[in-house]
Amino acid sequence: MRSVSAFLNPTALAPLRLHFAAEADLPEVRALLHATFVRELQQYADDGSGQHQDKFEQKNRMILAREGQRLVGMVAVHGQAPFSVSSRLPRGVTIDSPGQNPLEVRLLCVVPGKRSSRVAFQLMAGVYRYALEHDYQQLWISGVQEQLPLYRKLGFQAVGPAVKEGPLFFTPMRVNLHQLPRPLVQLAQKQNTILPTNHFPLLPGPPRMATEVLSAAHNRPLYHRSPYFSQQYRQVQNLLEAWMGGLGVALFPGGGTHANDVVAQCLAHLPQAESGLVLCNGEFGRRLLAHAHGAGLNPRVLDFGWGQAWDLKRIQEEIQSHPPA
C-alpha cells in the first residue's frame, strides 16, 4: 500500500483547484453525490433524478476539487450539532465534550479513475486549513468500511466498532488537529492553490484555553464567602506576590477596560502622577487617555495619527526632556 508521501508527490500529479461550493455548483455537487452514494454505494434509494441533496446541505461548507472545469472530488464539513457521527458512537463517547470544538467531515468522495491520485489528500489539506483558521480542535468522520485504509492514512483513528446501516458499515473515527500526518500538514501550508481566505482578522482573540481550564469552567461555581474559596484566593495571591518579588497583589475580576481603570487609579495615588506620558496611534491609545482623565490624571500625549507607527526617536526625546523627579 502506498505511503502518504507517495500520494503527496507534487511532480506526479496534475494541479488541482480547490474552492468553496457556491449556489451555482449545487447541481454538479448533487450529481456527484448521487453517483457515489446512491448508485455506487447504494446508501440511499434511487429516485431516478440523478441528484442527491444531503440532509445537512444548508449548514455544510463544501470544498470542491477541479481539474480544469471538471469536478473530480468534494468534501463537506460543519461544526454545528447535530452531527451524523453521533448516532454511531459507542456509549460513553461524545463528539461535543468541553474543549473539543469538533468539526465533522462528511461526503468525502472522488470520481472513479482519480482515487489513486492525491485528490482526497488535497481535499483534506483544504479541510485542515479551514479547521485551523476557524480554531477547530478535532476532525470526526463516519468511515465507510471499504475506505478505512484511506481514512487511516489521513490520520483518523477508530473510536468504536463499525455500525451497520443498510448495506454499509460505518466506523466512527476522529483525529486531533495536531496529530494529522506531517506530509498532509505540509501540503496545506505550501500549496498555493489552497482555498482562499475570505477574511483576515486583525483583532486579538478569542484566546485558546487549555482543556483543564475549560473543564474547570464547567464545574459548579464556589461560594465566594466560603472558607474554601478564601483559602484558594489567598493561595493565588501568594503565588502572584512571589512572582512579583514580594510586592503586594490585589485581584480584580473583570476585562481589559477594568484593568485600565485599576492601573489609572493606582497611578493617580503616586507622588509624580502628573508626569506621565500616553502614546496614541489609534483606538486603544485614546481609550487609555480617557481612563487617565477619568482618574484625574493629566498626562502628556504623543499622538502619531491613526494607525501610524510610533516614532521611537520622538518618544526618547520626550522622555529625556521630562525626566522623573
C-alpha atoms as a PDB file:
ATOM      1  CA  MET A   1       0.000   0.000   0.000  1.00  0.00           C
ATOM      2  CA  ARG A   2       1.360   3.393  -0.965  1.00  0.00           C
ATOM      3  CA  SER A   3       2.533   5.767   1.747  1.00  0.00           C
ATOM      4  CA  VAL A   4       1.154   9.243   2.401  1.00  0.00           C
ATOM      5  CA  SER A   5       4.335  10.764   0.983  1.00  0.00           C
ATOM      6  CA  ALA A   6       3.808   8.944  -2.314  1.00  0.00           C
ATOM      7  CA  PHE A   7       0.322  10.370  -2.618  1.00  0.00           C
ATOM      8  CA  LEU A   8       1.659  13.850  -1.973  1.00  0.00           C
ATOM      9  CA  ASN A   9       4.422  13.846  -4.590  1.00  0.00           C
ATOM     10  CA  PRO A  10       3.739  17.153  -6.408  1.00  0.00           C
ATOM     11  CA  THR A  11       5.558  16.080  -9.592  1.00  0.00           C
ATOM     12  CA  ALA A  12       3.336  13.053 -10.144  1.00  0.00           C
ATOM     13  CA  LEU A  13       0.008  14.771 -10.489  1.00  0.00           C
ATOM     14  CA  ALA A  14      -1.735  17.479 -12.460  1.00  0.00           C
ATOM     15  CA  PRO A  15      -2.573  20.616 -10.466  1.00  0.00           C
ATOM     16  CA  LEU A  16      -5.956  20.832  -8.807  1.00  0.00           C
ATOM     17  CA  ARG A  17      -8.032  23.867  -7.976  1.00  0.00           C
ATOM     18  CA  LEU A  18      -9.871  23.889  -4.669  1.00  0.00           C
ATOM     19  CA  HIS A  19     -12.744  26.227  -3.958  1.00  0.00           C
ATOM     20  CA  PHE A  20     -15.810  26.549  -1.773  1.00  0.00           C
ATOM     21  CA  ALA A  21     -19.076  25.489  -3.387  1.00  0.00           C
ATOM     22  CA  ALA A  22     -21.429  28.276  -4.430  1.00  0.00           C
ATOM     23  CA  GLU A  23     -25.114  28.115  -5.285  1.00  0.00           C
ATOM     24  CA  ALA A  24     -24.299  27.612  -8.976  1.00  0.00           C
ATOM     25  CA  ASP A  25     -22.227  24.495  -8.124  1.00  0.00           C
ATOM     26  CA  LEU A  26     -25.041  22.651  -6.331  1.00  0.00           C
ATOM     27  CA  PRO A  27     -26.481  20.723  -9.340  1.00  0.00           C
ATOM     28  CA  GLU A  28     -22.995  19.400 -10.143  1.00  0.00           C
ATOM     29  CA  VAL A  29     -22.364  18.583  -6.472  1.00  0.00           C
ATOM     30  CA  ARG A  30     -25.663  16.739  -6.127  1.00  0.00           C
ATOM     31  CA  ALA A  31     -24.905  14.761  -9.277  1.00  0.00           C
ATOM     32  CA  LEU A  32     -21.562  13.637  -7.798  1.00  0.00           C
ATOM     33  CA  LEU A  33     -23.256  12.696  -4.512  1.00  0.00           C
ATOM     34  CA  HIS A  34     -25.861  10.715  -6.450  1.00  0.00           C
ATOM     35  CA  ALA A  35     -23.229   8.861  -8.466  1.00  0.00           C
ATOM     36  CA  THR A  36     -21.246   7.987  -5.325  1.00  0.00           C
ATOM     37  CA  PHE A  37     -23.722   7.422  -2.500  1.00  0.00           C
ATOM     38  CA  VAL A  38     -26.829   6.359  -4.447  1.00  0.00           C
ATOM     39  CA  ARG A  39     -25.654   4.427  -7.493  1.00  0.00           C
ATOM     40  CA  GLU A  40     -22.272   3.136  -6.334  1.00  0.00           C
ATOM     41  CA  LEU A  41     -22.630   2.625  -2.566  1.00  0.00           C
ATOM     42  CA  GLN A  42     -26.438   2.232  -2.607  1.00  0.00           C
ATOM     43  CA  GLN A  43     -26.667   4.052   0.690  1.00  0.00           C
ATOM     44  CA  TYR A  44     -29.835   5.808  -0.447  1.00  0.00           C
ATOM     45  CA  ALA A  45     -32.749   4.783  -2.663  1.00  0.00           C
ATOM     46  CA  ASP A  46     -32.558   5.942  -6.285  1.00  0.00           C
ATOM     47  CA  ASP A  47     -35.457   8.232  -7.185  1.00  0.00           C
ATOM     48  CA  GLY A  48     -34.289   8.473 -10.786  1.00  0.00           C
ATOM     49  CA  SER A  49     -33.468  12.186 -10.605  1.00  0.00           C
ATOM     50  CA  GLY A  50     -29.703  11.764 -10.881  1.00  0.00           C
ATOM     51  CA  GLN A  51     -29.390  14.252  -7.987  1.00  0.00           C
ATOM     52  CA  HIS A  52     -28.912  13.680  -4.262  1.00  0.00           C
ATOM     53  CA  GLN A  53     -29.323  16.531  -1.790  1.00  0.00           C
ATOM     54  CA  ASP A  54     -27.554  15.991   1.527  1.00  0.00           C
ATOM     55  CA  LYS A  55     -29.659  16.481   4.666  1.00  0.00           C
ATOM     56  CA  PHE A  56     -27.091  18.963   6.022  1.00  0.00           C
ATOM     57  CA  GLU A  57     -26.662  20.906   2.781  1.00  0.00           C
ATOM     58  CA  GLN A  58     -27.780  24.194   4.359  1.00  0.00           C
ATOM     59  CA  LYS A  59     -25.102  24.132   7.063  1.00  0.00           C
ATOM     60  CA  ASN A  60     -22.353  22.281   5.188  1.00  0.00           C
ATOM     61  CA  ARG A  61     -19.260  24.113   3.991  1.00  0.00           C
ATOM     62  CA  MET A  62     -18.438  22.168   0.830  1.00  0.00           C
ATOM     63  CA  ILE A  63     -14.924  22.110  -0.632  1.00  0.00           C
ATOM     64  CA  LEU A  64     -14.672  21.126  -4.294  1.00  0.00           C
ATOM     65  CA  ALA A  65     -11.659  19.870  -6.270  1.00  0.00           C
ATOM     66  CA  ARG A  66     -11.458  20.518 -10.008  1.00  0.00           C
ATOM     67  CA  GLU A  67      -9.136  19.607 -12.836  1.00  0.00           C
ATOM     68  CA  GLY A  68      -9.792  22.405 -15.248  1.00  0.00           C
ATOM     69  CA  GLN A  69     -13.587  22.753 -15.188  1.00  0.00           C
ATOM     70  CA  ARG A  70     -14.237  19.119 -14.265  1.00  0.00           C
ATOM     71  CA  LEU A  71     -15.385  18.315 -10.728  1.00  0.00           C
ATOM     72  CA  VAL A  72     -13.246  15.377  -9.549  1.00  0.00           C
ATOM     73  CA  GLY A  73     -13.912  15.339  -5.811  1.00  0.00           C
ATOM     74  CA  MET A  74     -15.539  17.019  -2.879  1.00  0.00           C
ATOM     75  CA  VAL A  75     -15.785  17.011   0.893  1.00  0.00           C
ATOM     76  CA  ALA A  76     -18.180  18.748   3.271  1.00  0.00           C
ATOM     77  CA  VAL A  77     -17.544  19.994   6.811  1.00  0.00           C
ATOM     78  CA  HIS A  78     -19.664  21.542   9.538  1.00  0.00           C
ATOM     79  CA  GLY A  79     -19.217  22.281  13.224  1.00  0.00           C
ATOM     80  CA  GLN A  80     -22.832  22.646  14.297  1.00  0.00           C
ATOM     81  CA  ALA A  81     -24.851  19.973  16.123  1.00  0.00           C
ATOM     82  CA  PRO A  82     -26.499  17.647  15.350  1.00  0.00           C
ATOM     83  CA  PHE A  83     -23.609  15.578  13.996  1.00  0.00           C
ATOM     84  CA  SER A  84     -24.351  12.494  11.914  1.00  0.00           C
ATOM     85  CA  VAL A  85     -21.427  10.622  13.506  1.00  0.00           C
ATOM     86  CA  SER A  86     -23.069  10.957  16.957  1.00  0.00           C
ATOM     87  CA  SER A  87     -25.544   8.141  16.242  1.00  0.00           C
ATOM     88  CA  ARG A  88     -22.646   5.768  15.521  1.00  0.00           C
ATOM     89  CA  LEU A  89     -20.614   6.430  18.670  1.00  0.00           C
ATOM     90  CA  PRO A  90     -20.359   3.811  21.424  1.00  0.00           C
ATOM     91  CA  ARG A  91     -21.783   4.568  24.850  1.00  0.00           C
ATOM     92  CA  GLY A  92     -19.620   6.985  26.826  1.00  0.00           C
ATOM     93  CA  VAL A  93     -18.058   8.663  23.782  1.00  0.00           C
ATOM     94  CA  THR A  94     -19.348  12.097  22.774  1.00  0.00           C
ATOM     95  CA  ILE A  95     -18.347  14.418  19.958  1.00  0.00           C
ATOM     96  CA  ASP A  96     -19.112  17.661  21.780  1.00  0.00           C
ATOM     97  CA  SER A  97     -17.293  17.304  25.117  1.00  0.00           C
ATOM     98  CA  PRO A  98     -15.938  20.568  26.588  1.00  0.00           C
ATOM     99  CA  GLY A  99     -12.809  21.815  24.823  1.00  0.00           C
ATOM    100  CA  GLN A 100     -13.043  19.550  21.769  1.00  0.00           C
ATOM    101  CA  ASN A 101     -14.500  22.135  19.349  1.00  0.00           C
ATOM    102  CA  PRO A 102     -15.261  19.410  16.781  1.00  0.00           C
ATOM    103  CA  LEU A 103     -15.555  19.690  13.000  1.00  0.00           C
ATOM    104  CA  GLU A 104     -17.387  16.862  11.251  1.00  0.00           C
ATOM    105  CA  VAL A 105     -16.012  15.744   7.877  1.00  0.00           C
ATOM    106  CA  ARG A 106     -18.665  14.292   5.563  1.00  0.00           C
ATOM    107  CA  LEU A 107     -19.291  13.215   1.982  1.00  0.00           C
ATOM    108  CA  LEU A 108     -15.636  12.758   1.059  1.00  0.00           C
ATOM    109  CA  CYS A 109     -15.814  11.373  -2.461  1.00  0.00           C
ATOM    110  CA  VAL A 110     -13.609  11.231  -5.548  1.00  0.00           C
ATOM    111  CA  VAL A 111     -14.662  10.277  -9.073  1.00  0.00           C
ATOM    112  CA  PRO A 112     -13.548   6.850 -10.366  1.00  0.00           C
ATOM    113  CA  GLY A 113     -10.185   6.986 -12.063  1.00  0.00           C
ATOM    114  CA  LYS A 114      -8.879   9.602  -9.622  1.00  0.00           C
ATOM    115  CA  ARG A 115      -8.991   7.580  -6.431  1.00  0.00           C
ATOM    116  CA  SER A 116      -5.366   6.504  -6.662  1.00  0.00           C
ATOM    117  CA  SER A 117      -4.273  10.133  -7.012  1.00  0.00           C
ATOM    118  CA  ARG A 118      -3.908  12.656  -4.226  1.00  0.00           C
ATOM    119  CA  VAL A 119      -7.300  14.272  -4.774  1.00  0.00           C
ATOM    120  CA  ALA A 120      -8.519  13.079  -1.360  1.00  0.00           C
ATOM    121  CA  PHE A 121      -5.349  14.404   0.267  1.00  0.00           C
ATOM    122  CA  GLN A 122      -5.712  17.759  -1.471  1.00  0.00           C
ATOM    123  CA  LEU A 123      -9.274  17.963  -0.174  1.00  0.00           C
ATOM    124  CA  MET A 124      -8.193  17.028   3.350  1.00  0.00           C
ATOM    125  CA  ALA A 125      -5.441  19.643   3.167  1.00  0.00           C
ATOM    126  CA  GLY A 126      -8.236  22.116   2.460  1.00  0.00           C
ATOM    127  CA  VAL A 127     -10.173  20.784   5.447  1.00  0.00           C
ATOM    128  CA  TYR A 128      -7.072  21.146   7.630  1.00  0.00           C
ATOM    129  CA  ARG A 129      -6.575  24.765   6.527  1.00  0.00           C
ATOM    130  CA  TYR A 130     -10.244  25.561   7.135  1.00  0.00           C
ATOM    131  CA  ALA A 131     -10.198  23.889  10.587  1.00  0.00           C
ATOM    132  CA  LEU A 132      -7.024  25.734  11.577  1.00  0.00           C
ATOM    133  CA  GLU A 133      -8.367  29.125  10.502  1.00  0.00           C
ATOM    134  CA  HIS A 134     -11.599  28.566  12.451  1.00  0.00           C
ATOM    135  CA  ASP A 135      -9.919  27.191  15.598  1.00  0.00           C
ATOM    136  CA  TYR A 136     -11.378  23.670  15.475  1.00  0.00           C
ATOM    137  CA  GLN A 137      -9.546  21.093  17.597  1.00  0.00           C
ATOM    138  CA  GLN A 138     -10.746  17.717  16.276  1.00  0.00           C
ATOM    139  CA  LEU A 139     -11.939  16.252  12.999  1.00  0.00           C
ATOM    140  CA  TRP A 140     -14.598  13.498  13.069  1.00  0.00           C
ATOM    141  CA  ILE A 141     -15.789  11.235  10.265  1.00  0.00           C
ATOM    142  CA  SER A 142     -18.011   8.195   9.719  1.00  0.00           C
ATOM    143  CA  GLY A 143     -15.667   5.942   7.763  1.00  0.00           C
ATOM    144  CA  VAL A 144     -17.186   3.625   5.158  1.00  0.00           C
ATOM    145  CA  GLN A 145     -15.663   0.189   5.722  1.00  0.00           C
ATOM    146  CA  GLU A 146     -14.205  -0.066   2.212  1.00  0.00           C
ATOM    147  CA  GLN A 147     -12.353   3.254   2.662  1.00  0.00           C
ATOM    148  CA  LEU A 148     -10.865   2.685   6.148  1.00  0.00           C
ATOM    149  CA  PRO A 149      -7.270   2.375   4.823  1.00  0.00           C
ATOM    150  CA  LEU A 150      -7.627   5.814   3.209  1.00  0.00           C
ATOM    151  CA  TYR A 151      -9.025   7.394   6.371  1.00  0.00           C
ATOM    152  CA  ARG A 152      -6.182   5.928   8.429  1.00  0.00           C
ATOM    153  CA  LYS A 153      -3.661   7.451   6.018  1.00  0.00           C
ATOM    154  CA  LEU A 154      -5.368  10.761   6.669  1.00  0.00           C
ATOM    155  CA  GLY A 155      -4.693  10.309  10.405  1.00  0.00           C
ATOM    156  CA  PHE A 156      -8.151   9.153  11.543  1.00  0.00           C
ATOM    157  CA  GLN A 157      -8.413   6.501  14.256  1.00  0.00           C
ATOM    158  CA  ALA A 158     -11.498   4.447  15.120  1.00  0.00           C
ATOM    159  CA  VAL A 159     -13.270   5.366  18.368  1.00  0.00           C
ATOM    160  CA  GLY A 160     -15.741   2.495  18.250  1.00  0.00           C
ATOM    161  CA  PRO A 161     -16.838  -0.573  16.288  1.00  0.00           C
ATOM    162  CA  ALA A 162     -18.418  -0.411  12.842  1.00  0.00           C
ATOM    163  CA  VAL A 163     -22.162   0.223  12.764  1.00  0.00           C
ATOM    164  CA  LYS A 164     -24.312  -1.344  10.052  1.00  0.00           C
ATOM    165  CA  GLU A 165     -26.743   0.963   8.265  1.00  0.00           C
ATOM    166  CA  GLY A 166     -28.458  -0.547   5.256  1.00  0.00           C
ATOM    167  CA  PRO A 167     -25.877  -2.277   3.066  1.00  0.00           C
ATOM    168  CA  LEU A 168     -22.933  -0.345   4.541  1.00  0.00           C
ATOM    169  CA  PHE A 169     -20.808  -0.405   7.689  1.00  0.00           C
ATOM    170  CA  PHE A 170     -19.697   2.930   9.174  1.00  0.00           C
ATOM    171  CA  THR A 171     -16.830   3.278  11.659  1.00  0.00           C
ATOM    172  CA  PRO A 172     -16.792   6.424  13.845  1.00  0.00           C
ATOM    173  CA  MET A 173     -13.304   7.970  13.626  1.00  0.00           C
ATOM    174  CA  ARG A 174     -11.523  11.112  14.786  1.00  0.00           C
ATOM    175  CA  VAL A 175      -8.152  12.850  14.649  1.00  0.00           C
ATOM    176  CA  ASN A 176      -6.786  15.746  16.683  1.00  0.00           C
ATOM    177  CA  LEU A 177      -5.611  18.608  14.517  1.00  0.00           C
ATOM    178  CA  HIS A 178      -2.061  18.376  15.892  1.00  0.00           C
ATOM    179  CA  GLN A 179      -1.923  14.636  15.034  1.00  0.00           C
ATOM    180  CA  LEU A 180      -2.504  14.912  11.282  1.00  0.00           C
ATOM    181  CA  PRO A 181       0.183  13.270   9.111  1.00  0.00           C
ATOM    182  CA  ARG A 182       3.061  15.676   8.610  1.00  0.00           C
ATOM    183  CA  PRO A 183       3.004  15.467   4.781  1.00  0.00           C
ATOM    184  CA  LEU A 184      -0.671  16.451   4.854  1.00  0.00           C
ATOM    185  CA  VAL A 185       0.083  19.468   7.039  1.00  0.00           C
ATOM    186  CA  GLN A 186       2.995  20.467   4.789  1.00  0.00           C
ATOM    187  CA  LEU A 187       0.759  20.240   1.729  1.00  0.00           C
ATOM    188  CA  ALA A 188      -1.786  22.568   3.339  1.00  0.00           C
ATOM    189  CA  GLN A 189       0.951  25.037   4.278  1.00  0.00           C
ATOM    190  CA  LYS A 190       2.763  25.094   0.922  1.00  0.00           C
ATOM    191  CA  GLN A 191       0.073  24.648  -1.670  1.00  0.00           C
ATOM    192  CA  ASN A 192      -0.674  27.919  -3.435  1.00  0.00           C
ATOM    193  CA  THR A 193      -3.975  26.672  -4.860  1.00  0.00           C
ATOM    194  CA  ILE A 194      -5.453  26.110  -1.434  1.00  0.00           C
ATOM    195  CA  LEU A 195      -8.789  27.648  -0.506  1.00  0.00           C
ATOM    196  CA  PRO A 196      -8.757  31.442  -0.478  1.00  0.00           C
ATOM    197  CA  THR A 197      -9.137  33.125   2.874  1.00  0.00           C
ATOM    198  CA  ASN A 198     -12.256  35.269   2.825  1.00  0.00           C
ATOM    199  CA  HIS A 199     -11.199  37.464   5.715  1.00  0.00           C
ATOM    200  CA  PHE A 200      -8.058  38.468   7.578  1.00  0.00           C
ATOM    201  CA  PRO A 201      -8.819  39.161  11.249  1.00  0.00           C
ATOM    202  CA  LEU A 202      -6.646  41.823  12.879  1.00  0.00           C
ATOM    203  CA  LEU A 203      -8.302  41.833  16.307  1.00  0.00           C
ATOM    204  CA  PRO A 204      -6.902  39.686  19.147  1.00  0.00           C
ATOM    205  CA  GLY A 205      -8.695  36.588  20.390  1.00  0.00           C
ATOM    206  CA  PRO A 206     -10.567  34.576  21.147  1.00  0.00           C
ATOM    207  CA  PRO A 207      -7.831  33.033  23.285  1.00  0.00           C
ATOM    208  CA  ARG A 208      -7.166  29.305  23.181  1.00  0.00           C
ATOM    209  CA  MET A 209      -7.668  27.769  26.597  1.00  0.00           C
ATOM    210  CA  ALA A 210      -6.233  24.569  27.989  1.00  0.00           C
ATOM    211  CA  THR A 211      -8.561  21.613  28.391  1.00  0.00           C
ATOM    212  CA  GLU A 212      -8.130  21.796  32.188  1.00  0.00           C
ATOM    213  CA  VAL A 213      -9.347  25.417  32.197  1.00  0.00           C
ATOM    214  CA  LEU A 214     -12.374  24.591  30.050  1.00  0.00           C
ATOM    215  CA  SER A 215     -13.230  21.623  32.285  1.00  0.00           C
ATOM    216  CA  ALA A 216     -12.970  23.772  35.413  1.00  0.00           C
ATOM    217  CA  ALA A 217     -15.266  26.372  33.855  1.00  0.00           C
ATOM    218  CA  HIS A 218     -17.990  23.733  33.598  1.00  0.00           C
ATOM    219  CA  ASN A 219     -17.845  22.927  37.328  1.00  0.00           C
ATOM    220  CA  ARG A 220     -20.320  24.376  39.790  1.00  0.00           C
ATOM    221  CA  PRO A 221     -19.084  27.827  40.972  1.00  0.00           C
ATOM    222  CA  LEU A 222     -17.696  28.091  44.502  1.00  0.00           C
ATOM    223  CA  TYR A 223     -19.487  30.257  47.033  1.00  0.00           C
ATOM    224  CA  HIS A 224     -17.313  33.360  47.216  1.00  0.00           C
ATOM    225  CA  ARG A 225     -17.701  33.724  51.002  1.00  0.00           C
ATOM    226  CA  SER A 226     -16.899  30.126  51.864  1.00  0.00           C
ATOM    227  CA  PRO A 227     -13.693  29.232  53.772  1.00  0.00           C
ATOM    228  CA  TYR A 228     -12.514  27.076  50.854  1.00  0.00           C
ATOM    229  CA  PHE A 229     -12.854  29.971  48.398  1.00  0.00           C
ATOM    230  CA  SER A 230     -10.956  32.273  50.759  1.00  0.00           C
ATOM    231  CA  GLN A 231      -8.189  29.699  51.059  1.00  0.00           C
ATOM    232  CA  GLN A 232      -7.926  29.307  47.264  1.00  0.00           C
ATOM    233  CA  TYR A 233      -7.978  33.059  46.787  1.00  0.00           C
ATOM    234  CA  ARG A 234      -5.117  33.557  49.225  1.00  0.00           C
ATOM    235  CA  GLN A 235      -3.046  30.793  47.605  1.00  0.00           C
ATOM    236  CA  VAL A 236      -3.367  32.514  44.221  1.00  0.00           C
ATOM    237  CA  GLN A 237      -2.494  35.850  45.816  1.00  0.00           C
ATOM    238  CA  ASN A 238       0.615  34.388  47.483  1.00  0.00           C
ATOM    239  CA  LEU A 239       1.762  32.816  44.228  1.00  0.00           C
ATOM    240  CA  LEU A 240       1.378  36.087  42.320  1.00  0.00           C
ATOM    241  CA  GLU A 241       3.178  38.020  45.058  1.00  0.00           C
ATOM    242  CA  ALA A 242       6.078  35.556  44.848  1.00  0.00           C
ATOM    243  CA  TRP A 243       6.266  36.093  41.084  1.00  0.00           C
ATOM    244  CA  MET A 244       6.257  39.880  41.673  1.00  0.00           C
ATOM    245  CA  GLY A 245       9.221  39.737  44.028  1.00  0.00           C
ATOM    246  CA  GLY A 246       7.235  40.220  47.224  1.00  0.00           C
ATOM    247  CA  LEU A 247       5.094  43.148  46.077  1.00  0.00           C
ATOM    248  CA  GLY A 248       1.516  43.214  47.315  1.00  0.00           C
ATOM    249  CA  VAL A 249      -1.056  41.914  44.827  1.00  0.00           C
ATOM    250  CA  ALA A 250      -4.773  42.612  44.660  1.00  0.00           C
ATOM    251  CA  LEU A 251      -7.111  40.603  42.424  1.00  0.00           C
ATOM    252  CA  PHE A 252      -9.853  42.315  40.428  1.00  0.00           C
ATOM    253  CA  PRO A 253     -12.284  40.254  38.313  1.00  0.00           C
ATOM    254  CA  GLY A 254     -13.058  41.982  35.045  1.00  0.00           C
ATOM    255  CA  GLY A 255     -11.945  42.627  31.479  1.00  0.00           C
ATOM    256  CA  GLY A 256      -9.237  44.791  29.957  1.00  0.00           C
ATOM    257  CA  THR A 257     -11.256  48.001  30.424  1.00  0.00           C
ATOM    258  CA  HIS A 258     -11.489  47.330  34.147  1.00  0.00           C
ATOM    259  CA  ALA A 259      -7.737  46.646  34.256  1.00  0.00           C
ATOM    260  CA  ASN A 260      -7.052  50.034  32.624  1.00  0.00           C
ATOM    261  CA  ASP A 261      -9.209  51.755  35.258  1.00  0.00           C
ATOM    262  CA  VAL A 262      -7.391  49.975  38.091  1.00  0.00           C
ATOM    263  CA  VAL A 263      -3.972  50.964  36.703  1.00  0.00           C
ATOM    264  CA  ALA A 264      -5.093  54.589  36.257  1.00  0.00           C
ATOM    265  CA  GLN A 265      -6.415  54.772  39.831  1.00  0.00           C
ATOM    266  CA  CYS A 266      -3.170  53.300  41.193  1.00  0.00           C
ATOM    267  CA  LEU A 267      -1.091  55.806  39.202  1.00  0.00           C
ATOM    268  CA  ALA A 268      -3.263  58.653  40.475  1.00  0.00           C
ATOM    269  CA  HIS A 269      -2.013  57.926  44.014  1.00  0.00           C
ATOM    270  CA  LEU A 270       1.679  58.182  43.101  1.00  0.00           C
ATOM    271  CA  PRO A 271       3.528  61.403  44.057  1.00  0.00           C
ATOM    272  CA  GLN A 272       4.610  62.161  40.472  1.00  0.00           C
ATOM    273  CA  ALA A 273       1.431  61.070  38.731  1.00  0.00           C
ATOM    274  CA  GLU A 274       1.236  64.270  36.678  1.00  0.00           C
ATOM    275  CA  SER A 275       4.478  63.469  34.827  1.00  0.00           C
ATOM    276  CA  GLY A 276       3.098  60.522  32.863  1.00  0.00           C
ATOM    277  CA  LEU A 277       3.122  60.018  29.088  1.00  0.00           C
ATOM    278  CA  VAL A 278       0.476  58.319  26.923  1.00  0.00           C
ATOM    279  CA  LEU A 279       1.224  57.187  23.352  1.00  0.00           C
ATOM    280  CA  CYS A 280      -1.639  57.247  20.841  1.00  0.00           C
ATOM    281  CA  ASN A 281      -1.930  55.857  17.330  1.00  0.00           C
ATOM    282  CA  GLY A 282      -5.491  54.535  17.386  1.00  0.00           C
ATOM    283  CA  GLU A 283      -8.483  53.450  19.429  1.00  0.00           C
ATOM    284  CA  PHE A 284      -6.662  51.819  22.341  1.00  0.00           C
ATOM    285  CA  GLY A 285      -4.276  54.710  22.914  1.00  0.00           C
ATOM    286  CA  ARG A 286      -7.223  57.112  23.006  1.00  0.00           C
ATOM    287  CA  ARG A 287      -9.015  54.771  25.379  1.00  0.00           C
ATOM    288  CA  LEU A 288      -6.019  54.776  27.751  1.00  0.00           C
ATOM    289  CA  LEU A 289      -6.067  58.563  27.685  1.00  0.00           C
ATOM    290  CA  ALA A 290      -9.776  58.541  28.600  1.00  0.00           C
ATOM    291  CA  HIS A 291      -9.061  56.205  31.543  1.00  0.00           C
ATOM    292  CA  ALA A 292      -6.291  58.546  32.719  1.00  0.00           C
ATOM    293  CA  HIS A 293      -8.565  61.603  32.583  1.00  0.00           C
ATOM    294  CA  GLY A 294     -11.279  59.646  34.406  1.00  0.00           C
ATOM    295  CA  ALA A 295      -8.864  59.028  37.266  1.00  0.00           C
ATOM    296  CA  GLY A 296      -7.989  62.732  37.478  1.00  0.00           C
ATOM    297  CA  LEU A 297      -4.661  62.392  35.681  1.00  0.00           C
ATOM    298  CA  ASN A 298      -3.441  64.868  33.092  1.00  0.00           C
ATOM    299  CA  PRO A 299      -0.585  63.094  31.243  1.00  0.00           C
ATOM    300  CA  ARG A 300       1.373  64.414  28.301  1.00  0.00           C
ATOM    301  CA  VAL A 301       0.299  62.893  24.981  1.00  0.00           C
ATOM    302  CA  LEU A 302       2.184  61.917  21.836  1.00  0.00           C
ATOM    303  CA  ASP A 303      -0.390  61.305  19.088  1.00  0.00           C
ATOM    304  CA  PHE A 304       1.118  59.850  15.902  1.00  0.00           C
ATOM    305  CA  GLY A 305      -2.121  59.612  13.946  1.00  0.00           C
ATOM    306  CA  TRP A 306      -4.499  56.723  13.438  1.00  0.00           C
ATOM    307  CA  GLY A 307      -2.677  53.505  12.521  1.00  0.00           C
ATOM    308  CA  GLN A 308       0.725  55.175  12.189  1.00  0.00           C
ATOM    309  CA  ALA A 309       3.919  53.665  13.599  1.00  0.00           C
ATOM    310  CA  TRP A 310       5.403  55.191  16.723  1.00  0.00           C
ATOM    311  CA  ASP A 311       8.373  57.476  16.216  1.00  0.00           C
ATOM    312  CA  LEU A 312      10.829  55.997  18.719  1.00  0.00           C
ATOM    313  CA  LYS A 313      13.213  58.954  18.436  1.00  0.00           C
ATOM    314  CA  ARG A 314      10.403  61.348  19.303  1.00  0.00           C
ATOM    315  CA  ILE A 315       9.430  59.215  22.282  1.00  0.00           C
ATOM    316  CA  GLN A 316      13.002  59.124  23.547  1.00  0.00           C
ATOM    317  CA  GLU A 317      13.339  62.903  23.227  1.00  0.00           C
ATOM    318  CA  GLU A 318      10.070  63.429  25.112  1.00  0.00           C
ATOM    319  CA  ILE A 319      11.177  61.162  27.969  1.00  0.00           C
ATOM    320  CA  GLN A 320      14.588  62.849  28.195  1.00  0.00           C
ATOM    321  CA  SER A 321      13.009  66.311  28.268  1.00  0.00           C
ATOM    322  CA  HIS A 322      10.828  65.312  31.238  1.00  0.00           C
ATOM    323  CA  PRO A 323      12.980  63.039  33.423  1.00  0.00           C
ATOM    324  CA  PRO A 324      11.359  61.521  36.537  1.00  0.00           C
ATOM    325  CA  ALA A 325      11.811  63.675  39.636  1.00  0.00           C
END
